[in-house]
C-alpha atoms as a PDB file:
ATOM      1  CA  MET A   1       0.330   0.033  -0.362  1.00  0.00           C
ATOM      2  CA  THR A   2       1.245   3.140  -1.074  1.00  0.00           C
ATOM      3  CA  THR A   3       0.732   6.558   1.543  1.00  0.00           C
ATOM      4  CA  PRO A   4      -0.688  10.068  -0.487  1.00  0.00           C
ATOM      5  CA  GLY A   5       1.173  11.448  -2.892  1.00  0.00           C
ATOM      6  CA  GLU A   6       4.151   8.102  -3.694  1.00  0.00           C
ATOM      7  CA  THR A   7       3.365   5.326  -6.073  1.00  0.00           C
ATOM      8  CA  ASN A   8       3.295   1.754  -6.354  1.00  0.00           C
ATOM      9  CA  ALA A   9       5.246  -0.598  -8.481  1.00  0.00           C
ATOM     10  CA  ASN A  10       3.147   0.172 -11.225  1.00  0.00           C
ATOM     11  CA  GLY A  11       3.663   3.983 -11.386  1.00  0.00           C
ATOM     12  CA  ARG A  12      -0.087   4.496 -10.447  1.00  0.00           C
ATOM     13  CA  GLY A  13      -0.869   6.677  -7.190  1.00  0.00           C
ATOM     14  CA  PRO A  14      -2.433   5.549  -4.212  1.00  0.00           C
ATOM     15  CA  GLY A  15      -5.051   3.092  -4.780  1.00  0.00           C
ATOM     16  CA  ALA A  16      -4.540   2.577  -8.323  1.00  0.00           C
ATOM     17  CA  ALA A  17      -4.952  -0.822  -9.831  1.00  0.00           C
ATOM     18  CA  PRO A  18      -2.595  -1.858 -12.854  1.00  0.00           C
ATOM     19  CA  ASP A  19      -4.995  -1.554 -14.854  1.00  0.00           C
ATOM     20  CA  ALA A  20      -7.346   1.766 -13.634  1.00  0.00           C
ATOM     21  CA  HIS A  21      -8.225   4.858 -16.214  1.00  0.00           C
ATOM     22  CA  PRO A  22      -5.850   7.674 -15.950  1.00  0.00           C
ATOM     23  CA  LEU A  23      -8.110   9.521 -14.943  1.00  0.00           C
ATOM     24  CA  VAL A  24      -9.017   7.363 -12.407  1.00  0.00           C
ATOM     25  CA  ALA A  25      -5.344   8.018 -10.699  1.00  0.00           C
ATOM     26  CA  LEU A  26      -5.369  10.743 -12.003  1.00  0.00           C
ATOM     27  CA  GLN A  27      -8.290  11.450  -9.475  1.00  0.00           C
ATOM     28  CA  GLU A  28      -5.981  10.018  -6.604  1.00  0.00           C
ATOM     29  CA  LEU A  29      -3.156  11.328  -7.028  1.00  0.00           C
ATOM     30  CA  LEU A  30      -5.381  14.961  -7.215  1.00  0.00           C
ATOM     31  CA  ALA A  31      -6.452  14.101  -4.376  1.00  0.00           C
ATOM     32  CA  ALA A  32      -4.299  13.523  -2.568  1.00  0.00           C
ATOM     33  CA  GLN A  33      -1.735  16.322  -3.444  1.00  0.00           C
ATOM     34  CA  LEU A  34      -4.692  18.559  -2.181  1.00  0.00           C
ATOM     35  CA  GLU A  35      -4.908  16.456   0.851  1.00  0.00           C
ATOM     36  CA  GLN A  36      -0.720  17.792   1.143  1.00  0.00           C
ATOM     37  CA  ALA A  37      -1.459  20.920   0.383  1.00  0.00           C
ATOM     38  CA  LYS A  38      -4.218  21.430   2.877  1.00  0.00           C
ATOM     39  CA  GLY A  39      -0.898  20.589   5.265  1.00  0.00           C
ATOM     40  CA  GLY A  40       1.280  23.212   4.269  1.00  0.00           C
ATOM     41  CA  GLN A  41       4.002  20.454   2.477  1.00  0.00           C
ATOM     42  CA  VAL A  42       4.275  21.679  -0.531  1.00  0.00           C
ATOM     43  CA  GLU A  43       6.639  19.947  -1.602  1.00  0.00           C
ATOM     44  CA  LYS A  44       5.350  16.385  -1.419  1.00  0.00           C
ATOM     45  CA  VAL A  45       2.834  18.755  -4.167  1.00  0.00           C
ATOM     46  CA  GLU A  46       5.961  19.493  -6.061  1.00  0.00           C
ATOM     47  CA  SER A  47       7.507  16.456  -5.745  1.00  0.00           C
ATOM     48  CA  THR A  48       4.280  14.812  -8.047  1.00  0.00           C
ATOM     49  CA  LEU A  49       3.868  16.963 -10.713  1.00  0.00           C
ATOM     50  CA  ASP A  50       5.866  15.037 -13.066  1.00  0.00           C
ATOM     51  CA  ARG A  51       3.504  11.985 -12.753  1.00  0.00           C
ATOM     52  CA  VAL A  52       0.548  14.143 -12.808  1.00  0.00           C
ATOM     53  CA  GLU A  53       1.569  15.368 -15.887  1.00  0.00           C
ATOM     54  CA  SER A  54       2.398  11.961 -17.821  1.00  0.00           C
ATOM     55  CA  LEU A  55      -0.966  10.998 -15.847  1.00  0.00           C
ATOM     56  CA  LEU A  56      -3.147  13.664 -18.368  1.00  0.00           C
ATOM     57  CA  ARG A  57      -1.307  12.703 -21.682  1.00  0.00           C
ATOM     58  CA  GLU A  58      -1.894   9.687 -21.087  1.00  0.00           C
ATOM     59  CA  ALA A  59      -6.065  10.399 -20.332  1.00  0.00           C
ATOM     60  CA  LEU A  60      -5.868  12.977 -23.625  1.00  0.00           C
ATOM     61  CA  ALA A  61      -4.045  10.437 -25.552  1.00  0.00           C
ATOM     62  CA  SER A  62      -6.432   7.390 -24.163  1.00  0.00           C
ATOM     63  CA  GLY A  63      -9.590   9.667 -24.725  1.00  0.00           C
ATOM     64  CA  ARG A  64      -8.522   9.962 -27.825  1.00  0.00           C
ATOM     65  CA  ALA A  65      -8.856   6.582 -28.671  1.00  0.00           C
ATOM     66  CA  SER A  66     -11.860   6.436 -27.506  1.00  0.00           C
ATOM     67  CA  GLY A  67     -13.664   6.648 -30.513  1.00  0.00           C
ATOM     68  CA  PRO A  68     -16.050  10.327 -32.331  1.00  0.00           C
ATOM     69  CA  ARG A  69     -16.553  13.059 -30.088  1.00  0.00           C
ATOM     70  CA  GLY A  70     -19.224  13.003 -27.888  1.00  0.00           C
ATOM     71  CA  SER A  71     -19.211   9.315 -27.004  1.00  0.00           C
ATOM     72  CA  ALA A  72     -17.312   9.169 -23.787  1.00  0.00           C
ATOM     73  CA  PRO A  73     -19.262   7.251 -21.339  1.00  0.00           C
ATOM     74  CA  VAL A  74     -20.951   8.529 -18.287  1.00  0.00           C
ATOM     75  CA  ASP A  75     -18.341   7.671 -16.173  1.00  0.00           C
ATOM     76  CA  ASP A  76     -15.786   9.622 -17.936  1.00  0.00           C
ATOM     77  CA  VAL A  77     -17.613  12.796 -17.782  1.00  0.00           C
ATOM     78  CA  ARG A  78     -18.825  12.374 -14.100  1.00  0.00           C
ATOM     79  CA  LEU A  79     -14.843  11.754 -13.682  1.00  0.00           C
ATOM     80  CA  VAL A  80     -13.133  14.759 -16.058  1.00  0.00           C
ATOM     81  CA  GLY A  81     -16.228  16.832 -13.635  1.00  0.00           C
ATOM     82  CA  GLU A  82     -14.670  15.370 -10.809  1.00  0.00           C
ATOM     83  CA  VAL A  83     -10.592  16.202 -12.023  1.00  0.00           C
ATOM     84  CA  ARG A  84     -11.079  18.996 -12.497  1.00  0.00           C
ATOM     85  CA  ARG A  85     -12.443  19.913  -9.414  1.00  0.00           C
ATOM     86  CA  LEU A  86      -9.847  18.462  -7.540  1.00  0.00           C
ATOM     87  CA  TYR A  87      -7.482  20.461 -10.162  1.00  0.00           C
ATOM     88  CA  ASN A  88      -8.852  23.768 -10.100  1.00  0.00           C
ATOM     89  CA  GLU A  89      -9.014  23.783  -5.909  1.00  0.00           C
ATOM     90  CA  LEU A  90      -5.226  22.535  -6.366  1.00  0.00           C
ATOM     91  CA  CYS A  91      -5.188  25.289  -7.548  1.00  0.00           C
ATOM     92  CA  LEU A  92      -7.003  27.666  -5.692  1.00  0.00           C
ATOM     93  CA  ILE A  93      -4.724  26.355  -2.465  1.00  0.00           C
ATOM     94  CA  LEU A  94      -1.547  26.515  -3.809  1.00  0.00           C
ATOM     95  CA  ALA A  95      -2.103  30.244  -4.855  1.00  0.00           C
ATOM     96  CA  ALA A  96      -3.273  31.386  -1.190  1.00  0.00           C
ATOM     97  CA  GLY A  97      -0.350  29.969   0.397  1.00  0.00           C
ATOM     98  CA  LYS A  98       1.598  31.783  -2.369  1.00  0.00           C
ATOM     99  CA  GLY A  99      -0.258  34.563  -1.298  1.00  0.00           C
ATOM    100  CA  GLU A 100       0.573  34.491   2.488  1.00  0.00           C
ATOM    101  CA  LEU A 101       4.725  33.844   1.655  1.00  0.00           C
ATOM    102  CA  THR A 102       4.456  36.797  -0.754  1.00  0.00           C
ATOM    103  CA  ARG A 103       2.613  38.871   2.918  1.00  0.00           C
ATOM    104  CA  ARG A 104       5.538  37.255   4.999  1.00  0.00           C
ATOM    105  CA  LYS A 105       8.267  37.933   2.500  1.00  0.00           C
ATOM    106  CA  LYS A 106       7.021  42.216   2.140  1.00  0.00           C
ATOM    107  CA  ARG A 107       6.788  41.562   6.148  1.00  0.00           C
ATOM    108  CA  ALA A 108      10.299  40.870   6.856  1.00  0.00           C
ATOM    109  CA  LYS A 109      11.700  43.159   3.098  1.00  0.00           C
ATOM    110  CA  THR A 110       9.130  46.230   5.636  1.00  0.00           C
ATOM    111  CA  GLY A 111      11.442  45.339   8.695  1.00  0.00           C
ATOM    112  CA  ARG A 112      15.023  45.074   7.535  1.00  0.00           C
ATOM    113  CA  ARG A 113      14.066  49.052   5.996  1.00  0.00           C
ATOM    114  CA  CYS A 114      13.265  49.598   9.939  1.00  0.00           C
ATOM    115  CA  LEU A 115      16.278  48.283  10.677  1.00  0.00           C
ATOM    116  CA  VAL A 116      18.340  49.780   8.710  1.00  0.00           C
ATOM    117  CA  ALA A 117      16.249  52.525   8.946  1.00  0.00           C
ATOM    118  CA  TYR A 118      17.279  53.330  13.239  1.00  0.00           C
ATOM    119  CA  GLY A 119      20.428  52.404  12.585  1.00  0.00           C
ATOM    120  CA  ARG A 120      20.656  48.625  13.729  1.00  0.00           C
ATOM    121  CA  ALA A 121      22.501  46.361  10.325  1.00  0.00           C
ATOM    122  CA  PRO A 122      21.432  43.539  10.306  1.00  0.00           C
ATOM    123  CA  GLY A 123      23.507  41.754  12.618  1.00  0.00           C
ATOM    124  CA  GLY A 124      21.545  42.937  15.050  1.00  0.00           C
ATOM    125  CA  GLN A 125      24.614  45.207  15.863  1.00  0.00           C
ATOM    126  CA  ALA A 126      24.223  49.333  15.940  1.00  0.00           C
ATOM    127  CA  ARG A 127      25.828  51.151  12.758  1.00  0.00           C
ATOM    128  CA  ARG A 128      28.328  53.754  14.169  1.00  0.00           C
ATOM    129  CA  ARG A 129      27.724  57.596  12.844  1.00  0.00           C
ATOM    130  CA  ALA A 130      30.617  59.645  11.524  1.00  0.00           C
ATOM    131  CA  LYS A 131      29.668  63.430  12.973  1.00  0.00           C
END
């Protein structure tokens, strides 16, 4: 059994059967990434991006091979909707995290400016002003 974000011996995500449809594997992987992003484990989300890209390619290729447009089974339509929902939610969580990081960087920069303005060097020692 694999943990979220890991792949099994077949290169699939957690719980995916060896012959699982790429959309099913993609859905499981996105769900795992979503949980990791909610937990603040952005590094783990990043580590599975190549697998997501690979699964997307597989899903697109299998979609083209299934027949003419509009002939996708109802389950595939439902899966595509679920994958899209998971992807959008993941994007929102990652964007919110990026916004928080930007705010923290801005506060740190402002703090450094204040330290310099009031005569404190970055090392915590007071700068001496020449008279």
